[in-house]
N, C-alpha and C. Protein backbone atom coordinates (compact mmCIF):
# COMPACT_ATOMS: atom_id res chain seq x y z
N UNK A 1 104.91 85.43 115.75
CA UNK A 1 104.04 86.49 116.53
C UNK A 1 104.68 88.09 117.19
N UNK A 2 104.75 89.00 117.06
CA UNK A 2 104.99 90.02 117.57
C UNK A 2 103.44 90.92 118.50
N UNK A 3 103.61 91.50 119.47
CA UNK A 3 102.76 92.11 120.07
C UNK A 3 103.51 93.76 120.47
N UNK A 4 102.21 94.70 119.94
CA UNK A 4 102.84 96.00 120.19
C UNK A 4 101.16 96.75 121.03
N UNK A 5 102.05 97.66 122.30
CA UNK A 5 100.88 98.18 122.59
C UNK A 5 101.57 100.11 122.06
N UNK A 6 100.06 100.41 121.00
CA UNK A 6 100.16 101.89 120.83
C UNK A 6 99.58 102.70 121.13
N UNK A 7 99.34 103.98 121.23
CA UNK A 7 98.55 104.45 122.09
C UNK A 7 97.57 105.58 120.61
N UNK A 8 96.42 105.37 120.99
CA UNK A 8 95.52 106.58 119.61
C UNK A 8 96.97 107.27 118.89
N UNK A 9 96.69 107.68 117.60
CA UNK A 9 97.87 108.57 117.17
C UNK A 9 98.84 108.03 116.73
N UNK A 10 99.33 107.46 117.16
CA UNK A 10 100.53 107.18 116.65
C UNK A 10 100.84 105.67 115.61
N UNK A 11 101.78 105.66 115.49
CA UNK A 11 102.37 105.06 114.80
C UNK A 11 103.37 103.85 114.15
N UNK A 12 103.52 102.46 113.66
CA UNK A 12 104.53 102.01 113.70
C UNK A 12 104.72 101.03 112.49
N UNK A 13 105.98 100.40 112.03
CA UNK A 13 105.66 100.04 110.90
C UNK A 13 106.38 97.97 111.10
N UNK A 14 105.43 97.45 110.11
CA UNK A 14 105.84 96.40 110.16
C UNK A 14 106.90 95.83 109.08
N UNK A 15 107.83 94.64 108.88
CA UNK A 15 108.43 94.04 108.11
C UNK A 15 108.30 93.07 108.05
N UNK A 16 107.36 92.38 106.99
CA UNK A 16 108.17 91.47 106.78
C UNK A 16 108.95 89.88 106.10
N UNK A 17 108.98 89.38 106.49
CA UNK A 17 110.50 88.61 106.81
C UNK A 17 110.15 87.52 106.17
N UNK A 18 110.10 87.08 104.95
CA UNK A 18 110.30 86.46 103.41
C UNK A 18 111.42 85.15 103.35
N UNK A 19 111.17 83.79 103.31
CA UNK A 19 111.79 82.74 103.67
C UNK A 19 111.57 81.42 102.47
N UNK A 20 111.91 81.29 101.25
CA UNK A 20 113.53 81.15 101.85
C UNK A 20 113.85 82.92 100.88
N UNK A 21 115.17 83.68 101.38
CA UNK A 21 115.34 84.55 100.33
C UNK A 21 115.29 84.76 99.03
N UNK A 22 115.15 83.66 98.51
CA UNK A 22 115.14 83.61 96.63
C UNK A 22 113.46 83.13 96.48
N UNK A 23 112.84 83.37 96.85
CA UNK A 23 111.47 82.88 97.06
C UNK A 23 111.48 84.29 95.71
N UNK A 24 110.46 83.56 94.73
CA UNK A 24 110.06 84.00 93.30
C UNK A 24 109.60 85.32 93.24
N UNK A 25 108.36 85.14 93.85
CA UNK A 25 107.51 86.64 94.28
C UNK A 25 107.34 86.24 95.54
N UNK A 26 107.46 87.96 95.92
CA UNK A 26 107.96 88.49 97.80
C UNK A 26 106.31 89.78 97.35
N UNK A 27 105.70 89.96 96.68
CA UNK A 27 104.92 90.94 96.74
C UNK A 27 104.11 90.62 98.14
N UNK A 28 103.72 91.49 98.63
CA UNK A 28 102.92 91.37 100.16
C UNK A 28 101.22 92.12 100.27
N UNK A 29 100.37 91.50 100.63
CA UNK A 29 98.82 92.27 101.41
C UNK A 29 99.05 92.50 102.80
N UNK A 30 99.09 93.48 102.84
CA UNK A 30 99.22 93.98 104.54
C UNK A 30 97.10 94.00 104.82
N UNK A 31 96.60 93.75 105.76
CA UNK A 31 95.41 93.94 106.44
C UNK A 31 95.23 93.89 107.60
N UNK A 32 94.47 94.40 108.62
CA UNK A 32 93.69 94.90 109.61
C UNK A 32 92.79 93.89 109.92
N UNK A 33 92.71 93.75 111.24
CA UNK A 33 91.34 92.51 111.35
C UNK A 33 90.30 93.37 111.90
N UNK A 34 90.58 94.75 112.03
CA UNK A 34 89.70 96.24 112.98
C UNK A 34 90.40 97.58 111.96
N UNK A 35 89.72 97.81 111.02
CA UNK A 35 90.19 99.12 110.47
C UNK A 35 89.65 100.19 111.34
N UNK A 36 88.15 99.95 111.69
CA UNK A 36 87.74 101.01 112.86
C UNK A 36 89.14 101.66 113.80
N UNK A 37 89.59 100.95 114.07
CA UNK A 37 90.94 100.63 115.63
C UNK A 37 92.26 101.22 114.99
N UNK A 38 92.61 100.04 113.47
CA UNK A 38 93.83 100.42 113.45
C UNK A 38 94.20 100.65 111.88
N UNK A 39 94.37 100.89 111.18
CA UNK A 39 94.58 100.64 109.48
C UNK A 39 96.25 100.57 109.12
N UNK A 40 96.41 100.10 108.56
CA UNK A 40 97.44 99.63 107.77
C UNK A 40 97.55 99.55 105.84
N UNK A 41 98.91 100.34 105.79
CA UNK A 41 98.65 101.11 103.78
C UNK A 41 99.55 99.68 103.56
N UNK A 42 100.25 99.68 102.38
CA UNK A 42 100.90 99.14 101.64
C UNK A 42 102.31 98.90 101.99
N UNK A 43 102.64 100.03 102.84
CA UNK A 43 104.61 99.27 103.39
C UNK A 43 104.79 98.74 104.35
N UNK A 44 103.43 99.02 105.26
CA UNK A 44 103.49 98.29 106.64
C UNK A 44 103.30 99.23 107.61
N UNK A 45 102.76 100.42 106.79
CA UNK A 45 102.58 101.25 108.33
C UNK A 45 101.45 100.79 108.88
N UNK A 46 101.56 100.95 110.16
CA UNK A 46 99.79 101.08 110.66
C UNK A 46 99.66 102.35 111.67
N UNK A 47 98.54 102.63 111.38
CA UNK A 47 98.28 104.37 111.82
C UNK A 47 96.82 103.72 113.17
N UNK A 48 97.29 103.99 113.97
CA UNK A 48 95.87 103.70 115.18
C UNK A 48 95.06 104.73 115.19
N UNK A 49 93.94 104.26 115.41
CA UNK A 49 92.65 105.04 115.49
C UNK A 49 91.71 105.49 116.20
N UNK A 50 91.80 104.59 117.07
CA UNK A 50 90.73 104.23 118.37
C UNK A 50 91.32 103.39 119.38
N UNK A 51 90.87 103.41 120.52
CA UNK A 51 91.73 101.96 121.81
C UNK A 51 90.37 101.14 121.20
N UNK A 52 91.53 100.46 120.87
CA UNK A 52 90.73 99.06 120.25
C UNK A 52 91.93 97.63 120.36
N UNK A 53 91.56 96.61 120.48
CA UNK A 53 91.82 95.46 119.87
C UNK A 53 92.13 95.25 118.06
N UNK A 54 92.90 94.79 117.53
CA UNK A 54 93.85 94.79 116.10
C UNK A 54 94.38 93.47 116.10
N UNK A 55 94.42 92.58 115.03
CA UNK A 55 95.78 91.70 114.67
C UNK A 55 95.80 92.64 113.24
N UNK A 56 97.78 92.78 112.73
CA UNK A 56 97.29 92.83 111.57
C UNK A 56 98.55 91.83 111.10
N UNK A 57 97.93 91.10 109.65
CA UNK A 57 98.14 90.26 108.56
C UNK A 57 98.84 90.32 107.62
N UNK A 58 100.01 89.76 107.28
CA UNK A 58 100.25 90.24 105.97
C UNK A 58 99.87 89.00 104.81
N UNK A 59 99.79 88.66 103.50
CA UNK A 59 99.53 87.23 102.77
C UNK A 59 100.48 87.89 102.16
N UNK A 60 101.38 86.60 101.17
CA UNK A 60 101.92 86.65 99.98
C UNK A 60 100.90 86.36 98.77
N UNK A 61 100.97 87.36 97.41
CA UNK A 61 100.33 87.65 96.59
C UNK A 61 100.66 85.65 96.10
């Protein structure tokens, strides 16, 4: 788990590490716990839109 402190209007990119490295399906879905505070795109790019708390999660498809 990683913690980031980002200001409104800034971005960060998350990168998932999948184990084992030879996994058959490595497709990822990203999700934000609060899309009014932070949105995340399909590539893990997080955009902070307002002050608040959020959790970014990824799921293997």
